[in-house]
C-alpha cells in the first residue's frame, strides 16, 4: 500500500518536469559598474570585477570568456517560406554588401530587417525586385542576421558574417 502523500508527489512530479523544461534560462549579470564602447573595427562590453576564465583565439577572431559572455549558439536558421520562394544571400562572409536575391518577385509588402547578434535593429527596408543590396560598410566585423519578412511573417533568416 502506497501512502497518499507519495501518490500525490508521484502525480505532481511530471507536472514539475514539464514546467521546468518550459522555462527559458537567461543569463544575467548584476554589476556595480560597466560599459559598452563601439568603434569602427570592434566593440567592447565589460563589467567591473568580472574574472576572466579563458581566452580562445584563431586567425580571424578572439573570445575572452567570463561571466558576462552571452550563451547564444545558433544551430539552425529556419526557412519558414514553405519553399514557395528560393531566396539567397551572398557573398557570405562579406566586407561591404550582401545581395539578397529571389527566383521570383516577393509581394510588395516584403521587407528585410538587419539585426546584430543581440537582436538590435540596424536597418529595415523594402525588398525591391529580384535582387536587393544590403549595406554592411559602416558595420564592425561581427555576426549579423538578415530576416526577410512579409506581413509580419518571417520568410527566411540568413546568418551573415562581416569581416
Protein backbone atom coordinates (compact mmCIF):
# COMPACT_ATOMS: atom_id res chain seq x y z
CA UNK A 1 0.00 0.00 0.00
CA UNK A 2 1.44 3.40 -1.06
CA UNK A 3 0.81 6.29 1.35
CA UNK A 4 -1.38 9.09 -0.05
CA UNK A 5 1.40 11.71 0.22
CA UNK A 6 3.66 9.57 -2.01
CA UNK A 7 0.80 9.13 -4.53
CA UNK A 8 0.28 12.90 -4.54
CA UNK A 9 4.01 13.54 -5.16
CA UNK A 10 4.09 10.96 -7.98
CA UNK A 11 1.15 12.71 -9.66
CA UNK A 12 2.76 16.16 -9.41
CA UNK A 13 6.28 15.11 -10.41
CA UNK A 14 5.59 15.01 -14.21
CA UNK A 15 3.99 18.47 -13.99
CA UNK A 16 7.10 19.83 -12.27
CA UNK A 17 9.32 18.42 -15.01
CA UNK A 18 7.15 19.95 -17.75
CA UNK A 19 7.14 23.36 -16.07
CA UNK A 20 10.93 23.29 -15.56
CA UNK A 21 11.58 22.31 -19.18
CA UNK A 22 9.27 25.06 -20.46
CA UNK A 23 11.17 27.92 -18.81
CA UNK A 24 13.73 29.99 -20.68
CA UNK A 25 17.08 30.16 -18.95
CA UNK A 26 18.54 33.64 -19.47
CA UNK A 27 21.93 34.76 -18.23
CA UNK A 28 22.09 37.88 -16.15
CA UNK A 29 24.91 39.85 -14.56
CA UNK A 30 24.31 42.07 -11.56
CA UNK A 31 27.19 44.52 -11.54
CA UNK A 32 28.02 47.75 -9.77
CA UNK A 33 29.59 49.25 -12.91
CA UNK A 34 30.47 48.53 -16.52
CA UNK A 35 30.16 49.87 -20.02
CA UNK A 36 29.93 49.36 -23.75
CA UNK A 37 32.06 51.01 -26.44
CA UNK A 38 31.90 50.62 -30.21
CA UNK A 39 34.46 51.77 -32.76
CA UNK A 40 34.99 51.26 -36.48
CA UNK A 41 36.64 47.88 -36.13
CA UNK A 42 35.49 46.43 -32.81
CA UNK A 43 33.19 46.65 -29.82
CA UNK A 44 33.91 46.14 -26.12
CA UNK A 45 31.45 45.32 -23.37
CA UNK A 46 32.59 44.90 -19.77
CA UNK A 47 31.59 44.75 -16.13
CA UNK A 48 33.80 45.80 -13.23
CA UNK A 49 35.11 42.89 -11.21
CA UNK A 50 34.48 40.27 -13.88
CA UNK A 51 37.05 37.48 -13.64
CA UNK A 52 38.50 36.21 -16.90
CA UNK A 53 38.15 32.45 -17.27
CA UNK A 54 39.90 31.69 -20.58
CA UNK A 55 40.86 33.31 -23.88
CA UNK A 56 40.45 31.44 -27.18
CA UNK A 57 41.96 32.78 -30.39
CA UNK A 58 42.00 31.92 -34.11
CA UNK A 59 43.29 33.78 -37.16
CA UNK A 60 40.12 35.87 -37.52
CA UNK A 61 38.67 36.21 -34.02
CA UNK A 62 39.32 36.21 -30.29
CA UNK A 63 36.92 35.28 -27.48
CA UNK A 64 37.56 36.04 -23.85
CA UNK A 65 35.17 34.05 -21.70
CA UNK A 66 33.81 35.39 -18.44
CA UNK A 67 30.52 35.70 -16.59
CA UNK A 68 29.26 38.44 -18.89
CA UNK A 69 29.55 36.38 -22.07
CA UNK A 70 26.15 35.59 -23.57
CA UNK A 71 25.38 31.98 -24.30
CA UNK A 72 23.96 32.23 -27.80
CA UNK A 73 24.58 29.27 -30.05
CA UNK A 74 22.82 29.25 -33.41
CA UNK A 75 22.45 25.67 -34.55
CA UNK A 76 19.80 26.20 -37.20
CA UNK A 77 18.19 29.03 -39.08
CA UNK A 78 14.70 28.01 -40.17
CA UNK A 79 13.30 28.57 -43.64
CA UNK A 80 9.63 29.33 -42.98
CA UNK A 81 8.65 30.19 -46.54
CA UNK A 82 7.01 26.87 -47.34
CA UNK A 83 9.52 26.60 -50.20
CA UNK A 84 7.48 28.97 -52.41
CA UNK A 85 10.43 31.31 -52.94
CA UNK A 86 14.08 30.47 -53.43
CA UNK A 87 15.95 33.22 -51.57
CA UNK A 88 19.73 33.52 -51.41
CA UNK A 89 22.11 35.93 -49.68
CA UNK A 90 25.66 36.36 -50.97
CA UNK A 91 28.58 36.86 -50.52
CA UNK A 92 28.91 35.40 -47.06
CA UNK A 93 31.20 36.33 -45.35
CA UNK A 94 31.14 39.90 -46.62
CA UNK A 95 33.02 43.16 -46.18
CA UNK A 96 30.76 45.76 -47.86
CA UNK A 97 27.44 44.49 -49.24
CA UNK A 98 25.18 41.44 -49.23
CA UNK A 99 22.87 40.80 -52.17
CA UNK A 100 19.53 39.16 -51.35
CA UNK A 101 18.09 37.56 -54.50
CA UNK A 102 14.92 35.59 -55.20
CA UNK A 103 13.79 33.36 -58.05
CA UNK A 104 10.56 35.39 -58.35
CA UNK A 105 9.47 38.77 -57.04
CA UNK A 106 8.26 38.87 -53.46
CA UNK A 107 4.99 40.66 -52.63
CA UNK A 108 5.26 44.47 -52.44
CA UNK A 109 4.74 44.25 -48.65
CA UNK A 110 8.01 42.32 -48.21
CA UNK A 111 10.99 43.89 -46.47
CA UNK A 112 14.28 42.91 -44.86
CA UNK A 113 15.36 43.54 -41.29
CA UNK A 114 19.09 43.63 -40.47
CA UNK A 115 19.93 42.97 -36.81
CA UNK A 116 23.01 42.23 -34.74
CA UNK A 117 23.61 39.14 -32.63
CA UNK A 118 21.82 40.79 -29.68
CA UNK A 119 18.68 41.31 -31.78
CA UNK A 120 19.10 45.09 -32.03
CA UNK A 121 17.61 46.51 -35.23
CA UNK A 122 20.25 48.07 -37.51
CA UNK A 123 18.35 48.60 -40.76
CA UNK A 124 14.94 47.87 -42.24
CA UNK A 125 13.98 48.48 -45.89
CA UNK A 126 11.66 47.11 -48.54
CA UNK A 127 12.77 44.29 -50.83
CA UNK A 128 12.90 45.62 -54.39
CA UNK A 129 12.66 43.36 -57.45
CA UNK A 130 14.65 40.16 -57.70
CA UNK A 131 17.81 41.50 -56.02
CA UNK A 132 18.20 43.82 -53.03
CA UNK A 133 21.52 45.18 -51.79
CA UNK A 134 22.10 45.35 -48.01
CA UNK A 135 24.98 47.59 -46.92
CA UNK A 136 27.48 46.38 -44.32
CA UNK A 137 30.01 49.16 -44.98
CA UNK A 138 29.60 51.05 -41.69
CA UNK A 139 29.26 47.93 -39.52
CA UNK A 140 32.03 46.44 -37.40
CA UNK A 141 33.21 42.87 -38.07
CA UNK A 142 30.70 40.59 -36.32
CA UNK A 143 27.79 38.20 -36.93
CA UNK A 144 24.51 39.71 -38.19
CA UNK A 145 21.09 38.40 -39.24
CA UNK A 146 19.03 39.39 -42.26
CA UNK A 147 15.36 38.46 -41.90
CA UNK A 148 13.11 38.51 -44.96
CA UNK A 149 9.58 39.38 -43.81
CA UNK A 150 6.15 39.64 -45.43
CA UNK A 151 3.09 40.80 -43.46
CA UNK A 152 4.95 40.30 -40.15
CA UNK A 153 5.71 36.67 -41.05
CA UNK A 154 9.36 35.71 -41.34
CA UNK A 155 10.00 34.05 -44.69
CA UNK A 156 13.72 33.37 -44.27
CA UNK A 157 16.63 34.28 -41.96
CA UNK A 158 20.28 34.48 -43.02
CA UNK A 159 23.26 34.45 -40.66
CA UNK A 160 25.86 36.80 -42.20
CA UNK A 161 29.49 37.24 -41.09
CA UNK A 162 31.01 40.69 -41.61
CA UNK A 163 34.80 40.65 -41.88
